[in-house]
Amino acid sequence: ALVPYIRSLGINTVHLLPITSVGQAGKKGTLGSPYGIRNAYALDPKLAEPALGLNVDALFAGFVEAAHRLGMRVVMEFVLRTSSKDGDWIGQHPDWYYWIREDVPDRQPGSRDPLAYGNPIFPESDLIHLKEKVAHHDFSNLPAPPKSYRDIFAPPPRPGQVHLEDGQWVGVLDNGTRVRIPGAFADWPPDDNQPPWTDVTYLRMYDHPDFNYIAYNTIRMYDVRLARPENAVTGLWDAVAGVIPHFQREFGIDGVMIDMGHALPMPLKQRIVRAARDINPDFAFWDENFLIQQKSVDEGYNAVLGYMVFDFHLPHKLREFLSLLAAERMPLPFFATAENHNTPRAYSRPNALEYVHYALAMSIVVPGIPFVHSGFELMETKPINTGLGFSDEMIRENPTDSLPLFSEWAFDWTRPHNLVGSIRYALEIRRKYAGLLTNPDPATLLIGYADNPHFIVLARQDDRHTLVVVASSSMGTQETGCAYLPTWECDLAPIWGVDSAVKGQGTVHVEATLANGHVLILEGSPAFPRLKKDPRCS
């Protein structure tokens, strides 16, 4: 029932957070994290609808088919670098995982106990050295964690030596030592002091006796001695590379976002992209990366998350980003949105109603991908996850078990007011001027100026259209001022009072009174002047 509704908003692509089976060992909330993947080849059976008498595979196949019939593409999100701690692969392939002695406790929040398991504690001199090497992309002879940390780890048990105890995998080595699967932690920086994650672990991409531990140089910044073809765990690589083609063949999905793609070995990532595009050359790859850089293009990505989602509510940051777009061509499209599942909700910001309309209008005029996060149109304020951009107070107000990413939650579909009409209108504008608004050429975006410091002034112009945008970044006050857009420059020859030529400039100006974050989008007539230097006045 939601597919026609989503299409009616003007949406042409649906992005789904991970919907593969969710692990239960150490789970967060009542459902567990969708990023704690138990089986990357299986959909989570909890997503089935018992009333329909259909299993989850049949329901998802129907969803994809319905989306395609309505002209929408379906993009799934996958986590291919980690696994849940009770992953299905562990029983048959314990060598695809890291193991530690069962008697080693997990490090508690705020603790730096070196005898407990957690992010390795490096000497300060090693930290400085390894950060310098990584900054220079020198991955040779990277400093290893202290020996006391490395000794926590054990060799993988054989398949016949592992079994489940109370939902947790336990191994027994030949010498009788009991071992367990350790939790993952942040892959960078190495001095991050958060405790290990309770529900996921890292897959063991390479096998080398000197690198049998979890640390920055084995899970992301691979030491060159480790990252050799002969050290690759080939069975694991085959399994990982086969995940996306499986969902292409079984369900006809159109693209993926790769979570933690930055931590996959480059040869494996290249293989993943190649395998998917052998099936569908137009298959989309989205990079879960805050940087907008050529590196993502070189790795095969079509789009990147970027950082606009984190800067939208900060006027000075938004101005900086707009100036960058006017000066440099972005190598690939970025997400133009005021919220996602890891950030505070846009409607939880001060002066919420004004801010969401301001953000919606600004998101359609930049050469990015307008992204409507589910619940944005319903003015939801509850964050899905407290991942990025949250104060300590906000995190205390939204404990993990209460978050919709991990536990049951229902949107308020009965709310009398919503943004459905505004979104439809905004995306209709985007479609009408798609050739201009999607063009990343900096020549199509010109930054203006104003006599009011709260005004943001820009224009988009090509051979067919000119759109002028004047926005107030002040959500709580009415602002009046004049916005200016330079149209051309010329040299004025000296005759009296000056010895050299003076630059003259033509401008278009717009007088505006804007209340509470109001945005004007105006179209120039066909006779509107060119917003560039005019070589005729030289």
Protein backbone atom coordinates (compact mmCIF):
# COMPACT_ATOMS: atom_id res chain seq x y z
CA ALA A 1 0.00 0.00 0.00
CA LEU A 2 2.91 2.37 0.65
CA VAL A 3 4.47 1.99 -2.80
CA PRO A 4 1.87 4.14 -4.65
CA TYR A 5 2.00 6.68 -1.82
CA ILE A 6 5.82 6.93 -2.07
CA ARG A 7 5.57 7.35 -5.84
CA SER A 8 2.92 10.04 -5.40
CA LEU A 9 5.42 12.16 -3.49
CA GLY A 10 7.56 12.38 -6.61
CA ILE A 11 10.09 9.80 -5.44
CA ASN A 12 11.86 7.77 -8.15
CA THR A 13 14.15 5.61 -5.98
CA VAL A 14 13.57 3.78 -2.69
CA HIS A 15 16.55 3.24 -0.39
CA LEU A 16 16.17 0.48 2.18
CA LEU A 17 18.35 0.13 5.25
CA PRO A 18 19.61 -3.47 5.68
CA ILE A 19 16.73 -5.96 5.56
CA THR A 20 18.80 -9.14 5.78
CA SER A 21 18.47 -11.45 8.77
CA VAL A 22 19.37 -9.83 12.10
CA GLY A 23 21.56 -11.45 14.72
CA GLN A 24 20.28 -11.83 18.27
CA ALA A 25 23.51 -12.27 20.26
CA GLY A 26 24.14 -9.06 22.20
CA LYS A 27 21.33 -7.39 20.27
CA LYS A 28 20.26 -3.80 20.82
CA GLY A 29 16.63 -3.08 21.64
CA THR A 30 13.85 -5.59 21.12
CA LEU A 31 14.60 -6.33 17.46
CA GLY A 32 18.36 -6.01 17.14
CA SER A 33 20.27 -3.79 14.77
CA PRO A 34 19.68 -4.24 11.03
CA TYR A 35 23.43 -3.70 10.70
CA GLY A 36 24.09 -6.84 12.77
CA ILE A 37 23.69 -9.18 9.82
CA ARG A 38 23.33 -12.85 10.66
CA ASN A 39 23.06 -14.11 7.09
CA ALA A 40 23.82 -11.74 4.22
CA TYR A 41 21.99 -14.02 1.76
CA ALA A 42 18.70 -14.21 3.70
CA LEU A 43 16.03 -11.60 4.33
CA ASP A 44 14.94 -11.12 7.94
CA PRO A 45 11.90 -13.37 8.53
CA LYS A 46 10.51 -10.81 11.02
CA LEU A 47 9.68 -8.60 8.03
CA ALA A 48 7.06 -11.05 6.80
CA GLU A 49 3.37 -10.22 7.20
CA PRO A 50 1.62 -13.25 8.77
CA ALA A 51 -1.84 -11.96 7.83
CA LEU A 52 -1.01 -12.33 4.15
CA GLY A 53 0.26 -15.88 4.42
CA LEU A 54 3.37 -15.00 2.40
CA ASN A 55 7.00 -15.42 3.38
CA VAL A 56 9.40 -12.50 3.36
CA ASP A 57 10.95 -13.47 0.02
CA ALA A 58 7.58 -13.37 -1.76
CA LEU A 59 6.72 -10.04 -0.12
CA PHE A 60 9.98 -8.43 -1.11
CA ALA A 61 9.77 -9.73 -4.67
CA GLY A 62 6.30 -8.17 -4.86
CA PHE A 63 7.60 -4.91 -3.43
CA VAL A 64 10.37 -4.66 -6.03
CA GLU A 65 8.00 -5.55 -8.85
CA ALA A 66 5.46 -2.95 -7.71
CA ALA A 67 8.16 -0.30 -7.46
CA HIS A 68 9.37 -1.12 -10.96
CA ARG A 69 5.85 -0.99 -12.38
CA LEU A 70 5.47 2.51 -10.94
CA GLY A 71 8.80 3.68 -12.35
CA MET A 72 10.86 3.49 -9.16
CA ARG A 73 14.21 1.83 -8.55
CA VAL A 74 15.06 -0.12 -5.39
CA VAL A 75 18.42 0.32 -3.64
CA MET A 76 19.31 -1.97 -0.74
CA GLU A 77 21.94 -1.30 1.89
CA PHE A 78 24.47 -3.98 2.79
CA VAL A 79 27.15 -4.37 5.43
CA LEU A 80 29.80 -6.63 3.94
CA ARG A 81 32.68 -5.91 6.33
CA THR A 82 31.09 -7.16 9.55
CA SER A 83 28.80 -9.92 10.78
CA SER A 84 26.60 -10.46 13.79
CA LYS A 85 28.33 -12.32 16.59
CA ASP A 86 25.99 -15.26 16.02
CA GLY A 87 26.42 -15.24 12.24
CA ASP A 88 25.35 -18.34 10.32
CA TRP A 89 28.77 -18.64 8.69
CA ILE A 90 30.54 -19.21 12.00
CA GLY A 91 29.53 -22.84 12.40
CA GLN A 92 30.87 -23.95 9.01
CA HIS A 93 33.64 -21.39 8.58
CA PRO A 94 35.08 -20.37 11.95
CA ASP A 95 38.29 -19.35 10.15
CA TRP A 96 36.36 -16.42 8.60
CA TYR A 97 36.23 -14.85 12.08
CA TYR A 98 38.52 -13.65 14.86
CA TRP A 99 38.50 -15.46 18.20
CA ILE A 100 39.64 -14.52 21.71
CA ARG A 101 39.92 -16.49 24.94
CA GLU A 102 36.55 -16.88 26.60
CA ASP A 103 37.93 -15.78 29.99
CA VAL A 104 38.82 -12.28 28.70
CA PRO A 105 36.08 -9.79 29.70
CA ASP A 106 34.93 -6.92 27.50
CA ARG A 107 36.22 -3.49 28.45
CA GLN A 108 33.60 -1.37 30.16
CA PRO A 109 32.69 2.21 29.14
CA GLY A 110 35.32 4.68 30.37
CA SER A 111 37.81 1.94 31.27
CA ARG A 112 41.35 1.63 29.88
CA ASP A 113 42.02 -1.78 31.34
CA PRO A 114 44.60 -3.37 28.99
CA LEU A 115 43.67 -6.87 30.15
CA ALA A 116 40.06 -6.46 29.03
CA TYR A 117 39.01 -6.69 25.39
CA GLY A 118 38.44 -3.49 23.46
CA ASN A 119 40.21 -1.14 21.09
CA PRO A 120 43.96 -1.80 21.60
CA ILE A 121 45.71 0.76 23.80
CA PHE A 122 48.78 2.02 21.97
CA PRO A 123 51.72 3.86 23.56
CA GLU A 124 51.60 7.56 22.69
CA SER A 125 54.73 7.33 20.55
CA ASP A 126 53.20 4.53 18.47
CA LEU A 127 49.98 6.51 18.04
CA ILE A 128 51.86 9.50 16.69
CA HIS A 129 53.93 7.32 14.38
CA LEU A 130 51.05 5.28 12.98
CA LYS A 131 48.85 8.34 12.41
CA GLU A 132 51.68 10.00 10.47
CA LYS A 133 52.15 6.90 8.31
CA VAL A 134 48.44 6.59 7.60
CA ALA A 135 48.20 10.31 6.79
CA HIS A 136 50.89 9.74 4.14
CA HIS A 137 49.19 6.55 2.89
CA ASP A 138 52.22 4.54 3.95
CA PHE A 139 50.91 1.15 5.08
CA SER A 140 54.27 -0.59 5.31
CA ASN A 141 55.40 -1.86 8.71
CA LEU A 142 52.56 -0.20 10.56
CA PRO A 143 52.96 -0.35 14.36
CA ALA A 144 51.24 -3.41 15.79
CA PRO A 145 49.19 -3.34 19.00
CA PRO A 146 50.98 -4.26 22.24
CA LYS A 147 51.84 -7.94 22.69
CA SER A 148 49.49 -8.19 25.68
CA TYR A 149 46.59 -7.30 23.37
CA ARG A 150 47.67 -9.66 20.59
CA ASP A 151 47.94 -12.51 23.11
CA ILE A 152 44.22 -12.19 23.86
CA PHE A 153 43.51 -13.66 20.42
CA ALA A 154 43.54 -17.35 19.60
CA PRO A 155 43.78 -19.26 16.33
CA PRO A 156 40.38 -20.08 14.80
CA PRO A 157 38.95 -23.43 15.92
CA ARG A 158 38.03 -26.03 13.33
CA PRO A 159 34.36 -26.43 12.26
CA GLY A 160 33.90 -29.47 14.51
CA GLN A 161 35.19 -27.52 17.49
CA VAL A 162 32.46 -24.85 17.61
CA HIS A 163 28.95 -24.96 19.01
CA LEU A 164 26.20 -22.64 20.21
CA GLU A 165 25.71 -22.05 23.93
CA ASP A 166 22.76 -19.84 24.89
CA GLY A 167 22.81 -18.26 21.45
CA GLN A 168 26.58 -17.54 21.51
CA TRP A 169 29.21 -19.35 19.47
CA VAL A 170 31.90 -21.03 21.58
CA GLY A 171 34.98 -22.87 20.32
CA VAL A 172 37.20 -25.38 22.09
CA LEU A 173 40.79 -25.62 20.82
CA ASP A 174 42.89 -28.77 20.77
CA ASN A 175 44.47 -27.82 24.12
CA GLY A 176 41.05 -27.37 25.72
CA THR A 177 41.06 -23.55 25.67
CA ARG A 178 37.57 -22.13 25.25
CA VAL A 179 37.31 -19.21 22.82
CA ARG A 180 34.59 -16.76 21.78
CA ILE A 181 33.80 -14.24 19.06
CA PRO A 182 34.91 -10.70 20.05
CA GLY A 183 32.88 -7.57 19.32
CA ALA A 184 33.90 -5.01 16.74
CA PHE A 185 34.82 -1.41 17.48
CA ALA A 186 35.48 1.77 15.46
CA ASP A 187 38.03 1.11 12.71
CA TRP A 188 39.53 4.60 13.10
CA PRO A 189 40.99 6.40 14.98
CA PRO A 190 42.94 3.77 16.92
CA ASP A 191 42.67 5.73 20.16
CA ASP A 192 38.87 5.81 20.09
CA ASN A 193 37.90 4.75 23.60
CA GLN A 194 34.36 3.46 23.09
CA PRO A 195 33.72 -0.06 24.41
CA PRO A 196 33.41 -2.95 21.92
CA TRP A 197 30.10 -3.24 20.14
CA THR A 198 27.88 -5.89 21.63
CA ASP A 199 26.26 -7.24 18.48
CA VAL A 200 28.73 -7.32 15.57
CA THR A 201 32.25 -8.54 14.83
CA TYR A 202 34.73 -8.07 12.00
CA LEU A 203 35.14 -10.65 9.29
CA ARG A 204 38.71 -11.95 8.97
CA MET A 205 39.53 -10.93 5.40
CA TYR A 206 43.18 -12.02 5.49
CA ASP A 207 44.98 -14.93 7.16
CA HIS A 208 48.52 -14.34 8.39
CA PRO A 209 49.97 -15.60 11.69
CA ASP A 210 51.52 -12.20 12.51
CA PHE A 211 48.19 -10.40 12.09
CA ASN A 212 45.71 -12.57 13.97
CA TYR A 213 44.04 -9.70 15.83
CA ILE A 214 41.52 -6.89 15.31
CA ALA A 215 43.13 -3.48 14.93
CA TYR A 216 43.31 -0.58 12.51
CA ASN A 217 46.00 -2.36 10.41
CA THR A 218 43.95 -5.55 9.93
CA ILE A 219 40.43 -4.16 9.42
CA ARG A 220 40.88 -0.98 7.38
CA MET A 221 44.43 0.38 6.88
CA TYR A 222 45.74 -3.02 5.86
CA ASP A 223 49.46 -3.50 6.40
CA VAL A 224 51.13 -4.32 3.06
CA ARG A 225 52.55 -7.53 4.54
CA LEU A 226 49.00 -8.68 5.28
CA ALA A 227 47.17 -7.42 2.17
CA ARG A 228 48.71 -9.86 -0.27
CA PRO A 229 46.70 -12.09 -2.63
CA GLU A 230 48.10 -15.25 -1.07
CA ASN A 231 46.78 -14.16 2.36
CA ALA A 232 43.19 -13.55 1.25
CA VAL A 233 40.60 -15.85 2.85
CA THR A 234 39.31 -16.91 -0.57
CA GLY A 235 36.18 -18.70 0.60
CA LEU A 236 35.06 -15.61 2.51
CA TRP A 237 35.82 -13.34 -0.43
CA ASP A 238 33.78 -15.61 -2.71
CA ALA A 239 30.85 -15.49 -0.29
CA VAL A 240 30.99 -11.69 0.11
CA ALA A 241 31.33 -11.08 -3.63
CA GLY A 242 28.27 -13.25 -4.27
CA VAL A 243 25.84 -11.39 -2.00
CA ILE A 244 24.76 -8.60 -4.32
CA PRO A 245 24.44 -10.79 -7.45
CA HIS A 246 22.20 -13.09 -5.38
CA PHE A 247 19.74 -10.25 -4.72
CA GLN A 248 19.98 -9.06 -8.31
CA ARG A 249 19.02 -12.49 -9.65
CA GLU A 250 16.42 -13.33 -6.99
CA PHE A 251 14.69 -9.96 -6.67
CA GLY A 252 15.88 -7.63 -9.42
CA ILE A 253 17.22 -4.87 -7.18
CA ASP A 254 18.70 -1.83 -8.94
CA GLY A 255 21.51 -0.71 -6.66
CA VAL A 256 23.16 -0.83 -3.25
CA MET A 257 24.65 1.38 -0.62
CA ILE A 258 27.73 -0.23 0.91
CA ASP A 259 28.01 0.46 4.63
CA MET A 260 31.66 0.56 5.75
CA GLY A 261 32.75 0.14 2.15
CA HIS A 262 35.89 2.11 3.04
CA ALA A 263 37.05 -0.84 5.16
CA LEU A 264 36.76 -3.49 2.45
CA PRO A 265 40.02 -4.56 0.77
CA MET A 266 40.24 -2.74 -2.55
CA PRO A 267 40.60 -5.90 -4.70
CA LEU A 268 37.46 -7.33 -3.08
CA LYS A 269 35.55 -4.08 -3.55
CA GLN A 270 36.51 -4.01 -7.24
CA ARG A 271 35.34 -7.59 -7.58
CA ILE A 272 32.00 -6.74 -5.92
CA VAL A 273 31.38 -3.86 -8.33
CA ARG A 274 32.44 -5.88 -11.36
CA ALA A 275 30.21 -8.84 -10.47
CA ALA A 276 27.12 -6.64 -10.05
CA ARG A 277 27.69 -4.70 -13.26
CA ASP A 278 28.31 -7.88 -15.24
CA ILE A 279 24.64 -8.59 -14.53
CA ASN A 280 23.39 -5.00 -14.93
CA PRO A 281 25.74 -2.34 -16.36
CA ASP A 282 23.49 0.40 -14.93
CA PHE A 283 23.56 -1.03 -11.41
CA ALA A 284 23.99 1.77 -8.86
CA PHE A 285 26.60 1.88 -6.10
CA TRP A 286 26.27 4.50 -3.36
CA ASP A 287 29.19 5.28 -1.09
CA GLU A 288 28.51 5.72 2.63
CA ASN A 289 31.24 8.33 2.83
CA PHE A 290 31.14 11.90 4.15
CA LEU A 291 33.78 13.10 1.67
CA ILE A 292 32.84 13.97 -1.92
CA GLN A 293 35.93 12.91 -3.82
CA GLN A 294 37.24 11.38 -7.04
CA LYS A 295 38.33 8.30 -5.09
CA SER A 296 34.69 7.20 -4.85
CA VAL A 297 34.29 7.48 -8.62
CA ASP A 298 37.47 5.50 -9.17
CA GLU A 299 36.10 2.75 -6.93
CA GLY A 300 32.94 2.48 -9.04
CA TYR A 301 30.44 4.53 -7.04
CA ASN A 302 27.69 6.59 -8.73
CA ALA A 303 26.78 8.73 -5.70
CA VAL A 304 28.01 9.52 -2.20
CA LEU A 305 26.33 10.46 1.08
CA GLY A 306 28.53 13.55 1.50
CA TYR A 307 28.32 16.03 4.36
CA MET A 308 25.47 18.38 3.46
CA VAL A 309 23.23 16.42 5.85
CA PHE A 310 25.48 17.47 8.75
CA ASP A 311 25.88 21.12 7.73
CA PHE A 312 22.39 22.08 6.54
CA HIS A 313 21.33 23.67 9.83
CA LEU A 314 24.54 25.71 10.14
CA PRO A 315 24.26 28.80 7.88
CA HIS A 316 28.00 29.47 7.70
CA LYS A 317 28.69 25.86 6.73
CA LEU A 318 25.94 25.88 4.12
CA ARG A 319 27.40 29.08 2.63
CA GLU A 320 30.84 27.47 2.47
CA PHE A 321 29.44 24.44 0.69
CA LEU A 322 27.48 26.52 -1.82
CA SER A 323 30.64 28.51 -2.58
CA LEU A 324 32.48 25.25 -3.16
CA LEU A 325 29.79 24.07 -5.59
CA ALA A 326 30.16 27.35 -7.49
CA ALA A 327 33.93 26.94 -7.70
CA GLU A 328 34.48 23.21 -8.23
CA ARG A 329 32.68 20.48 -10.11
CA MET A 330 31.81 17.71 -7.70
CA PRO A 331 33.09 14.37 -9.02
CA LEU A 332 29.80 12.60 -8.27
CA PRO A 333 26.34 13.45 -6.90
CA PHE A 334 25.85 13.82 -3.14
CA PHE A 335 22.74 13.53 -0.98
CA ALA A 336 20.95 16.87 -0.52
CA THR A 337 18.97 16.35 2.67
CA ALA A 338 18.55 17.80 6.14
CA GLU A 339 18.34 14.43 7.91
CA ASN A 340 19.01 10.72 7.66
CA HIS A 341 18.72 7.75 10.01
CA ASN A 342 21.90 8.74 11.91
CA THR A 343 21.18 12.44 12.51
CA PRO A 344 18.67 14.46 14.52
CA ARG A 345 15.33 14.86 12.81
CA ALA A 346 14.93 18.11 10.88
CA TYR A 347 11.64 18.74 12.67
CA SER A 348 13.41 18.55 16.05
CA ARG A 349 15.45 21.67 15.20
CA PRO A 350 14.44 25.10 16.60
CA ASN A 351 11.64 26.80 14.62
CA ALA A 352 10.94 23.41 13.11
CA LEU A 353 8.22 24.24 10.58
CA GLU A 354 10.20 27.11 9.13
CA TYR A 355 13.42 25.10 9.03
CA VAL A 356 12.02 22.06 7.22
CA HIS A 357 10.56 24.20 4.44
CA TYR A 358 13.83 26.14 4.14
CA ALA A 359 15.79 22.88 3.95
CA LEU A 360 13.40 21.36 1.43
CA ALA A 361 13.65 24.37 -0.88
CA MET A 362 17.43 24.56 -0.66
CA SER A 363 17.81 20.81 -1.26
CA ILE A 364 16.24 21.01 -4.73
CA VAL A 365 18.37 23.88 -6.09
CA VAL A 366 21.81 22.30 -5.55
CA PRO A 367 23.31 19.71 -7.95
CA GLY A 368 22.85 16.86 -5.50
CA ILE A 369 20.23 14.15 -4.99
CA PRO A 370 17.19 15.34 -3.01
CA PHE A 371 16.67 12.67 -0.38
CA VAL A 372 13.46 12.37 1.65
CA HIS A 373 14.12 10.38 4.80
CA SER A 374 11.10 8.32 5.83
CA GLY A 375 9.10 10.26 8.41
CA PHE A 376 10.35 13.66 7.24
CA GLU A 377 7.06 14.18 5.40
CA LEU A 378 5.17 13.38 8.62
CA MET A 379 7.16 15.88 10.72
CA GLU A 380 8.58 13.12 12.92
CA THR A 381 10.89 14.27 15.72
CA LYS A 382 12.08 10.93 17.14
CA PRO A 383 15.55 10.09 15.79
CA ILE A 384 16.00 6.67 14.23
CA ASN A 385 19.50 6.38 15.71
CA THR A 386 21.76 8.71 17.70
CA GLY A 387 24.71 8.21 15.40
CA LEU A 388 26.04 11.66 14.49
CA GLY A 389 25.43 15.23 15.60
CA PHE A 390 23.84 14.49 18.98
CA SER A 391 24.69 16.19 22.26
CA ASP A 392 25.12 14.17 25.45
CA GLU A 393 21.74 15.44 26.61
CA MET A 394 20.04 14.31 23.38
CA ILE A 395 21.60 10.85 23.72
CA ARG A 396 20.36 10.58 27.33
CA GLU A 397 16.87 11.55 26.14
CA ASN A 398 16.95 8.80 23.51
CA PRO A 399 18.40 5.63 25.08
CA THR A 400 19.43 2.89 22.68
CA ASP A 401 16.56 0.55 23.47
CA SER A 402 14.04 3.28 22.62
CA LEU A 403 15.41 3.99 19.14
CA PRO A 404 13.37 2.87 16.12
CA LEU A 405 16.51 1.38 14.53
CA PHE A 406 16.51 -1.31 17.22
CA SER A 407 12.95 -1.54 18.58
CA GLU A 408 9.35 -1.33 17.43
CA TRP A 409 8.14 2.15 16.50
CA ALA A 410 5.17 3.58 14.62
CA PHE A 411 4.98 6.89 12.77
CA ASP A 412 2.02 9.15 13.53
CA TRP A 413 0.04 8.88 10.30
CA THR A 414 -2.93 10.65 11.90
CA ARG A 415 -1.12 13.96 12.48
CA PRO A 416 -3.40 16.71 11.04
CA HIS A 417 -0.54 18.56 9.32
CA ASN A 418 2.32 17.19 7.21
CA LEU A 419 4.77 18.07 4.47
CA VAL A 420 3.34 15.81 1.76
CA GLY A 421 2.10 18.70 -0.38
CA SER A 422 5.32 20.66 0.07
CA ILE A 423 7.46 17.69 -0.97
CA ARG A 424 5.34 17.06 -4.05
CA TYR A 425 5.60 20.69 -5.09
CA ALA A 426 9.36 20.86 -4.43
CA LEU A 427 10.08 17.73 -6.46
CA GLU A 428 7.85 18.96 -9.27
CA ILE A 429 10.03 22.08 -9.48
CA ARG A 430 13.06 19.83 -9.51
CA ARG A 431 11.66 17.78 -12.40
CA LYS A 432 10.61 20.86 -14.39
CA TYR A 433 14.14 22.30 -14.29
CA ALA A 434 16.00 18.98 -14.03
CA GLY A 435 18.47 19.76 -16.79
CA LEU A 436 19.63 22.87 -14.94
CA LEU A 437 19.33 21.83 -11.29
CA THR A 438 21.10 18.50 -11.70
CA ASN A 439 23.99 20.02 -13.69
CA PRO A 440 27.20 19.92 -11.57
CA ASP A 441 29.04 22.40 -13.81
CA PRO A 442 30.13 25.30 -11.54
CA ALA A 443 29.34 27.68 -14.40
CA THR A 444 25.63 27.01 -13.74
CA LEU A 445 25.79 28.15 -10.11
CA LEU A 446 26.61 31.73 -9.13
CA ILE A 447 26.81 33.04 -5.60
CA GLY A 448 25.40 36.49 -4.97
CA TYR A 449 25.56 38.78 -1.98
CA ALA A 450 23.20 40.88 0.13
CA ASP A 451 23.11 43.82 2.48
CA ASN A 452 21.55 41.55 5.10
CA PRO A 453 23.97 39.00 6.62
CA HIS A 454 21.16 36.47 7.08
CA PHE A 455 20.43 36.28 3.34
CA ILE A 456 21.80 33.47 1.19
CA VAL A 457 21.78 34.45 -2.47
CA LEU A 458 22.49 32.24 -5.46
CA ALA A 459 21.39 31.66 -9.02
CA ARG A 460 21.28 28.64 -11.32
CA GLN A 461 21.58 29.44 -15.01
CA ASP A 462 22.09 27.60 -18.30
CA ASP A 463 21.20 28.37 -21.91
CA ARG A 464 17.49 27.79 -21.29
CA HIS A 465 16.67 28.87 -17.75
CA THR A 466 17.66 31.24 -14.96
CA LEU A 467 16.53 30.62 -11.39
CA VAL A 468 17.31 33.13 -8.64
CA VAL A 469 17.24 31.96 -5.02
CA VAL A 470 17.08 34.31 -2.04
CA ALA A 471 16.80 32.62 1.35
CA SER A 472 16.81 33.81 4.93
CA SER A 473 18.88 31.64 7.23
CA SER A 474 17.24 33.21 10.29
CA MET A 475 14.44 30.90 11.39
CA GLY A 476 13.05 33.10 14.15
CA THR A 477 13.01 36.63 12.76
CA GLN A 478 11.71 38.62 9.80
CA GLU A 479 14.55 39.93 7.67
CA THR A 480 14.54 42.70 5.04
CA GLY A 481 17.29 43.42 2.57
CA CYS A 482 18.48 43.61 -0.99
CA ALA A 483 20.08 40.67 -2.78
CA TYR A 484 22.56 41.25 -5.59
CA LEU A 485 23.76 39.06 -8.45
CA PRO A 486 26.67 40.22 -10.62
CA THR A 487 25.94 39.92 -14.33
CA TRP A 488 29.11 41.17 -16.03
CA GLU A 489 32.31 43.09 -15.49
CA CYS A 490 34.01 45.68 -17.68
CA ASP A 491 37.04 47.97 -17.56
CA LEU A 492 36.32 51.69 -17.24
CA ALA A 493 39.13 53.70 -18.84
CA PRO A 494 40.80 56.47 -16.76
CA ILE A 495 40.10 60.07 -17.81
CA TRP A 496 40.11 62.13 -14.62
CA GLY A 497 41.16 61.44 -11.05
CA VAL A 498 42.70 58.00 -11.56
CA ASP A 499 45.67 56.64 -13.50
CA SER A 500 44.48 53.10 -14.27
CA ALA A 501 41.34 51.35 -15.45
CA VAL A 502 38.61 50.67 -12.89
CA LYS A 503 36.46 47.56 -12.85
CA GLY A 504 32.78 48.20 -13.36
CA GLN A 505 30.09 45.67 -12.58
CA GLY A 506 26.52 45.21 -13.62
CA THR A 507 24.13 43.65 -11.10
CA VAL A 508 20.61 42.38 -10.76
CA HIS A 509 19.10 43.19 -7.39
CA VAL A 510 16.07 41.80 -5.61
CA GLU A 511 14.47 43.57 -2.66
CA ALA A 512 12.90 41.11 -0.23
CA THR A 513 11.28 40.83 3.16
CA LEU A 514 11.63 37.24 4.33
CA ALA A 515 9.98 35.94 7.47
CA ASN A 516 11.37 33.01 9.47
CA GLY A 517 13.57 31.11 7.04
CA HIS A 518 11.50 31.98 3.99
CA VAL A 519 12.98 31.08 0.59
CA LEU A 520 12.25 32.77 -2.73
CA ILE A 521 12.85 30.86 -5.97
CA LEU A 522 12.31 33.15 -8.95
CA GLU A 523 12.58 32.48 -12.68
CA GLY A 524 14.20 35.01 -14.98
CA SER A 525 12.67 35.80 -18.36
CA PRO A 526 14.42 34.70 -21.58
CA ALA A 527 15.95 38.20 -21.72
CA PHE A 528 17.55 37.83 -18.27
CA PRO A 529 21.25 38.85 -18.45
CA ARG A 530 24.00 36.28 -18.36
CA LEU A 531 25.41 35.80 -14.89
CA LYS A 532 29.06 35.88 -15.90
CA LYS A 533 31.76 38.30 -16.96
CA ASP A 534 30.90 39.98 -20.23
CA PRO A 535 33.91 40.00 -22.61
CA ARG A 536 32.30 42.75 -24.71
CA CYS A 537 33.23 45.34 -22.07
CA SER A 538 37.01 45.01 -22.15
